[in-house]
N, C-alpha and C. Protein backbone atom coordinates (compact mmCIF):
# COMPACT_ATOMS: atom_id res chain seq x y z
N MET A 1 127.14 -7.49 -110.08
CA MET A 1 126.87 -7.76 -111.48
C MET A 1 126.42 -9.21 -111.63
N SER A 2 125.33 -9.42 -112.35
CA SER A 2 124.81 -10.77 -112.57
C SER A 2 125.61 -11.49 -113.64
N THR A 3 125.65 -12.79 -113.52
CA THR A 3 126.34 -13.62 -114.50
C THR A 3 125.31 -14.29 -115.39
N ALA A 4 125.56 -14.27 -116.69
CA ALA A 4 124.65 -14.94 -117.62
C ALA A 4 124.63 -16.44 -117.34
N ARG A 5 123.47 -17.01 -117.43
CA ARG A 5 123.28 -18.44 -117.27
C ARG A 5 122.57 -18.96 -118.52
N VAL A 6 122.57 -20.26 -118.68
CA VAL A 6 121.83 -20.88 -119.78
C VAL A 6 120.61 -21.55 -119.18
N LEU A 7 119.44 -21.16 -119.64
CA LEU A 7 118.18 -21.71 -119.17
C LEU A 7 117.62 -22.62 -120.26
N ARG A 8 117.25 -23.82 -119.88
CA ARG A 8 116.74 -24.80 -120.84
C ARG A 8 115.39 -25.32 -120.34
N THR A 9 114.42 -25.33 -121.23
CA THR A 9 113.10 -25.87 -120.93
C THR A 9 112.83 -27.02 -121.89
N THR A 10 112.35 -28.13 -121.36
CA THR A 10 112.03 -29.31 -122.17
C THR A 10 110.59 -29.71 -121.85
N MET A 11 109.79 -29.93 -122.89
CA MET A 11 108.39 -30.28 -122.71
C MET A 11 108.07 -31.56 -123.48
N PHE A 12 107.41 -32.48 -122.79
CA PHE A 12 107.08 -33.79 -123.35
C PHE A 12 105.56 -33.95 -123.46
N LYS A 13 105.13 -34.66 -124.48
CA LYS A 13 103.74 -35.08 -124.61
C LYS A 13 103.67 -36.56 -124.22
N VAL A 14 103.37 -36.79 -122.96
CA VAL A 14 103.28 -38.15 -122.41
C VAL A 14 101.85 -38.32 -121.91
N ALA A 15 101.04 -39.09 -122.62
CA ALA A 15 99.62 -39.21 -122.30
C ALA A 15 99.35 -40.06 -121.06
N ASP A 16 100.05 -41.16 -120.91
CA ASP A 16 99.80 -42.12 -119.83
C ASP A 16 100.32 -41.57 -118.50
N PRO A 17 99.45 -41.39 -117.50
CA PRO A 17 99.90 -40.87 -116.20
C PRO A 17 101.01 -41.73 -115.56
N ALA A 18 100.98 -43.03 -115.77
CA ALA A 18 102.04 -43.89 -115.22
C ALA A 18 103.38 -43.57 -115.88
N HIS A 19 103.37 -43.31 -117.18
CA HIS A 19 104.61 -42.93 -117.86
C HIS A 19 105.07 -41.54 -117.43
N GLN A 20 104.13 -40.65 -117.16
CA GLN A 20 104.50 -39.33 -116.65
C GLN A 20 105.28 -39.47 -115.35
N GLN A 21 104.78 -40.31 -114.45
CA GLN A 21 105.45 -40.53 -113.17
C GLN A 21 106.82 -41.16 -113.37
N LYS A 22 106.93 -42.10 -114.30
CA LYS A 22 108.23 -42.73 -114.58
C LYS A 22 109.22 -41.71 -115.13
N LEU A 23 108.74 -40.77 -115.94
CA LEU A 23 109.63 -39.73 -116.46
C LEU A 23 110.10 -38.81 -115.34
N ILE A 24 109.23 -38.46 -114.42
CA ILE A 24 109.63 -37.65 -113.25
C ILE A 24 110.66 -38.42 -112.43
N GLN A 25 110.45 -39.73 -112.24
CA GLN A 25 111.43 -40.54 -111.52
C GLN A 25 112.77 -40.54 -112.24
N ALA A 26 112.75 -40.58 -113.58
CA ALA A 26 113.99 -40.54 -114.35
C ALA A 26 114.70 -39.20 -114.16
N TYR A 27 113.93 -38.12 -114.05
CA TYR A 27 114.54 -36.81 -113.76
C TYR A 27 115.15 -36.80 -112.36
N ASN A 28 114.49 -37.41 -111.39
CA ASN A 28 115.06 -37.49 -110.04
C ASN A 28 116.38 -38.24 -110.06
N LYS A 29 116.43 -39.33 -110.82
CA LYS A 29 117.68 -40.10 -110.93
C LYS A 29 118.75 -39.27 -111.62
N LEU A 30 118.39 -38.58 -112.69
CA LEU A 30 119.33 -37.70 -113.37
C LEU A 30 119.89 -36.66 -112.41
N ALA A 31 119.02 -36.05 -111.62
CA ALA A 31 119.47 -35.02 -110.68
C ALA A 31 120.50 -35.55 -109.69
N SER A 32 120.34 -36.80 -109.27
CA SER A 32 121.26 -37.36 -108.28
C SER A 32 122.55 -37.89 -108.91
N GLU A 33 122.52 -38.20 -110.21
CA GLU A 33 123.69 -38.82 -110.85
C GLU A 33 124.48 -37.89 -111.77
N GLN A 34 123.97 -36.70 -112.07
CA GLN A 34 124.63 -35.81 -113.03
C GLN A 34 126.00 -35.36 -112.53
N LYS A 35 127.00 -35.61 -113.38
CA LYS A 35 128.37 -35.21 -113.06
C LYS A 35 129.12 -34.90 -114.34
N LYS A 36 130.00 -33.93 -114.26
CA LYS A 36 130.93 -33.60 -115.34
C LYS A 36 132.28 -33.42 -114.67
N ASP A 37 133.27 -34.11 -115.16
CA ASP A 37 134.60 -34.08 -114.54
C ASP A 37 134.52 -34.48 -113.07
N GLY A 38 133.61 -35.42 -112.76
CA GLY A 38 133.49 -35.96 -111.41
C GLY A 38 132.71 -35.10 -110.43
N LYS A 39 132.16 -33.96 -110.88
CA LYS A 39 131.43 -33.05 -109.99
C LYS A 39 130.06 -32.71 -110.58
N PRO A 40 129.06 -32.49 -109.71
CA PRO A 40 127.78 -32.02 -110.23
C PRO A 40 127.96 -30.71 -110.99
N TYR A 41 127.25 -30.55 -112.09
CA TYR A 41 127.44 -29.36 -112.92
C TYR A 41 126.14 -28.63 -113.24
N ILE A 42 125.00 -29.24 -112.96
CA ILE A 42 123.72 -28.57 -113.20
C ILE A 42 123.45 -27.65 -112.02
N LEU A 43 123.17 -26.38 -112.32
CA LEU A 43 122.94 -25.40 -111.26
C LEU A 43 121.56 -25.53 -110.64
N TYR A 44 120.58 -25.86 -111.47
CA TYR A 44 119.20 -25.94 -111.00
C TYR A 44 118.44 -26.87 -111.93
N MET A 45 117.56 -27.69 -111.36
CA MET A 45 116.70 -28.53 -112.19
C MET A 45 115.38 -28.73 -111.46
N ALA A 46 114.29 -28.62 -112.21
CA ALA A 46 112.97 -28.92 -111.69
C ALA A 46 112.19 -29.61 -112.80
N ALA A 47 111.33 -30.53 -112.42
CA ALA A 47 110.47 -31.21 -113.40
C ALA A 47 109.13 -31.48 -112.75
N GLY A 48 108.08 -31.38 -113.54
CA GLY A 48 106.76 -31.61 -112.99
C GLY A 48 105.74 -31.92 -114.07
N ILE A 49 104.55 -32.26 -113.61
CA ILE A 49 103.45 -32.60 -114.49
C ILE A 49 102.55 -31.37 -114.62
N ALA A 50 102.12 -31.08 -115.84
CA ALA A 50 101.27 -29.92 -116.09
C ALA A 50 100.01 -29.97 -115.24
N VAL A 51 99.66 -28.84 -114.66
CA VAL A 51 98.49 -28.75 -113.80
C VAL A 51 97.21 -28.60 -114.64
N ASP A 52 97.30 -27.89 -115.74
CA ASP A 52 96.13 -27.63 -116.58
C ASP A 52 96.39 -28.12 -118.00
N PRO A 53 96.25 -29.44 -118.24
CA PRO A 53 96.59 -29.98 -119.56
C PRO A 53 95.78 -29.36 -120.70
N ALA A 54 94.60 -28.85 -120.43
CA ALA A 54 93.80 -28.24 -121.49
C ALA A 54 94.49 -27.01 -122.07
N ARG A 55 95.29 -26.33 -121.28
CA ARG A 55 95.99 -25.12 -121.74
C ARG A 55 97.40 -25.42 -122.25
N SER A 56 97.87 -26.64 -122.06
CA SER A 56 99.27 -26.96 -122.36
C SER A 56 99.49 -27.54 -123.76
N LYS A 57 98.45 -27.59 -124.58
CA LYS A 57 98.55 -28.07 -125.96
C LYS A 57 99.12 -29.49 -126.05
N GLY A 58 98.78 -30.30 -125.07
CA GLY A 58 99.21 -31.70 -125.09
C GLY A 58 100.50 -31.99 -124.35
N TYR A 59 101.24 -30.95 -123.97
CA TYR A 59 102.47 -31.17 -123.21
C TYR A 59 102.09 -31.45 -121.76
N THR A 60 102.61 -32.53 -121.23
CA THR A 60 102.20 -32.98 -119.90
C THR A 60 103.33 -32.97 -118.88
N VAL A 61 104.57 -33.12 -119.31
CA VAL A 61 105.72 -33.11 -118.40
C VAL A 61 106.69 -32.04 -118.87
N VAL A 62 107.10 -31.19 -117.93
CA VAL A 62 107.98 -30.06 -118.27
C VAL A 62 109.15 -30.06 -117.30
N SER A 63 110.34 -29.80 -117.84
CA SER A 63 111.51 -29.63 -116.98
C SER A 63 112.18 -28.30 -117.29
N ARG A 64 112.81 -27.76 -116.27
CA ARG A 64 113.60 -26.54 -116.42
C ARG A 64 114.96 -26.82 -115.81
N THR A 65 115.99 -26.51 -116.57
CA THR A 65 117.36 -26.78 -116.14
C THR A 65 118.19 -25.53 -116.35
N GLU A 66 119.08 -25.26 -115.43
CA GLU A 66 119.95 -24.08 -115.52
C GLU A 66 121.40 -24.53 -115.48
N PHE A 67 122.18 -23.99 -116.41
CA PHE A 67 123.60 -24.31 -116.54
C PHE A 67 124.43 -23.04 -116.42
N ALA A 68 125.68 -23.18 -115.99
CA ALA A 68 126.58 -22.04 -115.88
C ALA A 68 127.03 -21.55 -117.25
N THR A 69 127.18 -22.47 -118.21
CA THR A 69 127.70 -22.10 -119.52
C THR A 69 126.98 -22.88 -120.63
N MET A 70 127.09 -22.37 -121.83
CA MET A 70 126.54 -23.07 -122.99
C MET A 70 127.29 -24.39 -123.20
N ASP A 71 128.59 -24.41 -122.90
CA ASP A 71 129.35 -25.67 -123.01
C ASP A 71 128.79 -26.74 -122.07
N ASP A 72 128.41 -26.35 -120.85
CA ASP A 72 127.81 -27.32 -119.93
C ASP A 72 126.49 -27.86 -120.49
N MET A 73 125.68 -26.98 -121.08
CA MET A 73 124.41 -27.42 -121.65
C MET A 73 124.64 -28.36 -122.82
N ARG A 74 125.61 -28.05 -123.65
CA ARG A 74 125.91 -28.94 -124.78
C ARG A 74 126.43 -30.29 -124.29
N TRP A 75 127.26 -30.29 -123.25
CA TRP A 75 127.77 -31.54 -122.69
C TRP A 75 126.60 -32.39 -122.17
N TYR A 76 125.68 -31.73 -121.48
CA TYR A 76 124.47 -32.39 -120.99
C TYR A 76 123.73 -33.06 -122.14
N ASP A 77 123.56 -32.33 -123.23
CA ASP A 77 122.78 -32.82 -124.35
C ASP A 77 123.48 -33.94 -125.12
N GLU A 78 124.80 -33.87 -125.21
CA GLU A 78 125.54 -34.77 -126.10
C GLU A 78 126.35 -35.86 -125.40
N GLN A 79 126.76 -35.65 -124.13
CA GLN A 79 127.70 -36.58 -123.52
C GLN A 79 127.33 -37.09 -122.13
N CYS A 80 126.44 -36.43 -121.44
CA CYS A 80 126.14 -36.80 -120.05
C CYS A 80 125.46 -38.18 -120.00
N PRO A 81 126.09 -39.16 -119.34
CA PRO A 81 125.49 -40.50 -119.24
C PRO A 81 124.15 -40.50 -118.51
N ALA A 82 124.00 -39.66 -117.49
CA ALA A 82 122.74 -39.61 -116.75
C ALA A 82 121.61 -39.07 -117.63
N HIS A 83 121.91 -38.07 -118.46
CA HIS A 83 120.90 -37.54 -119.37
C HIS A 83 120.59 -38.55 -120.47
N ALA A 84 121.60 -39.27 -120.94
CA ALA A 84 121.37 -40.32 -121.95
C ALA A 84 120.39 -41.37 -121.41
N ALA A 85 120.51 -41.71 -120.14
CA ALA A 85 119.60 -42.69 -119.54
C ALA A 85 118.17 -42.14 -119.50
N LEU A 86 118.01 -40.86 -119.19
CA LEU A 86 116.69 -40.25 -119.19
C LEU A 86 116.09 -40.28 -120.60
N LYS A 87 116.89 -39.93 -121.60
CA LYS A 87 116.40 -39.95 -122.98
C LYS A 87 115.96 -41.36 -123.39
N GLU A 88 116.69 -42.36 -122.95
CA GLU A 88 116.34 -43.75 -123.26
C GLU A 88 115.00 -44.11 -122.61
N THR A 89 114.80 -43.67 -121.38
CA THR A 89 113.52 -43.90 -120.70
C THR A 89 112.38 -43.28 -121.50
N ALA A 90 112.55 -42.03 -121.92
CA ALA A 90 111.49 -41.33 -122.67
C ALA A 90 111.21 -42.02 -124.00
N ARG A 91 112.24 -42.52 -124.66
CA ARG A 91 112.04 -43.21 -125.94
C ARG A 91 111.15 -44.44 -125.78
N GLY A 92 111.19 -45.05 -124.62
CA GLY A 92 110.39 -46.24 -124.36
C GLY A 92 108.89 -45.98 -124.27
N PHE A 93 108.50 -44.72 -124.23
CA PHE A 93 107.08 -44.38 -124.10
C PHE A 93 106.39 -44.17 -125.44
N ASN A 94 107.10 -44.37 -126.56
CA ASN A 94 106.52 -44.17 -127.89
C ASN A 94 105.80 -42.82 -127.99
N LEU A 95 106.53 -41.76 -127.70
CA LEU A 95 105.97 -40.41 -127.72
C LEU A 95 105.48 -40.06 -129.13
N PRO A 96 104.41 -39.27 -129.23
CA PRO A 96 103.89 -38.91 -130.55
C PRO A 96 104.83 -38.00 -131.34
N GLU A 97 105.74 -37.34 -130.64
CA GLU A 97 106.73 -36.47 -131.27
C GLU A 97 107.89 -36.28 -130.29
N PRO A 98 109.04 -35.86 -130.80
CA PRO A 98 110.16 -35.61 -129.89
C PRO A 98 109.80 -34.48 -128.91
N PRO A 99 110.46 -34.43 -127.77
CA PRO A 99 110.18 -33.34 -126.84
C PRO A 99 110.54 -31.99 -127.47
N LEU A 100 109.83 -30.97 -127.04
CA LEU A 100 110.13 -29.60 -127.45
C LEU A 100 111.20 -29.07 -126.49
N VAL A 101 112.32 -28.64 -127.04
CA VAL A 101 113.44 -28.15 -126.23
C VAL A 101 113.80 -26.76 -126.70
N PHE A 102 113.89 -25.83 -125.76
CA PHE A 102 114.43 -24.52 -126.11
C PHE A 102 115.32 -24.04 -124.99
N TYR A 103 116.31 -23.25 -125.36
CA TYR A 103 117.27 -22.74 -124.38
C TYR A 103 117.78 -21.39 -124.84
N HIS A 104 118.27 -20.65 -123.86
CA HIS A 104 118.80 -19.32 -124.16
C HIS A 104 119.72 -18.88 -123.04
N GLU A 105 120.64 -17.98 -123.40
CA GLU A 105 121.46 -17.35 -122.38
C GLU A 105 120.65 -16.20 -121.80
N ASP A 106 120.75 -16.02 -120.51
CA ASP A 106 119.93 -15.02 -119.88
C ASP A 106 120.61 -14.48 -118.63
N VAL A 107 120.27 -13.26 -118.28
CA VAL A 107 120.65 -12.67 -117.01
C VAL A 107 119.34 -12.42 -116.27
N PRO A 108 119.23 -12.89 -115.02
CA PRO A 108 117.97 -12.72 -114.30
C PRO A 108 117.57 -11.25 -114.18
N LEU A 109 116.31 -10.98 -114.40
CA LEU A 109 115.77 -9.64 -114.21
C LEU A 109 115.20 -9.50 -112.80
N VAL A 110 114.65 -10.59 -112.29
CA VAL A 110 114.18 -10.65 -110.91
C VAL A 110 114.65 -11.98 -110.36
N ASN A 111 115.28 -11.96 -109.20
CA ASN A 111 115.74 -13.20 -108.58
C ASN A 111 115.64 -13.01 -107.08
N GLN A 112 114.62 -13.58 -106.48
CA GLN A 112 114.42 -13.43 -105.05
C GLN A 112 114.76 -14.71 -104.29
N ARG A 113 115.60 -15.55 -104.88
CA ARG A 113 116.02 -16.78 -104.21
C ARG A 113 117.00 -16.46 -103.13
């Protein structure tokens, strides 16, 4: 039986390629520093730069994060010091709008990992 997970996607409109790279570096730092109760709690994280910006409606950097519970996702959003540092980095880029964030509970339909 599969266990429901929380999947979160975040999309940024970062025009400057140098800032895009800095945001990816901030995600790498977040991945190495994320802890809750002294232990890593993010199940999966990936971040990258859009390959076809013409189709992405201006979104250039996208991340996908997977959490075991909605409580873990909320902790990430509201209390995680490593995530707070990433948000501070992004704020420094004077983005034209806040990132688009969506999340949902899901059970994998196909998982060949």
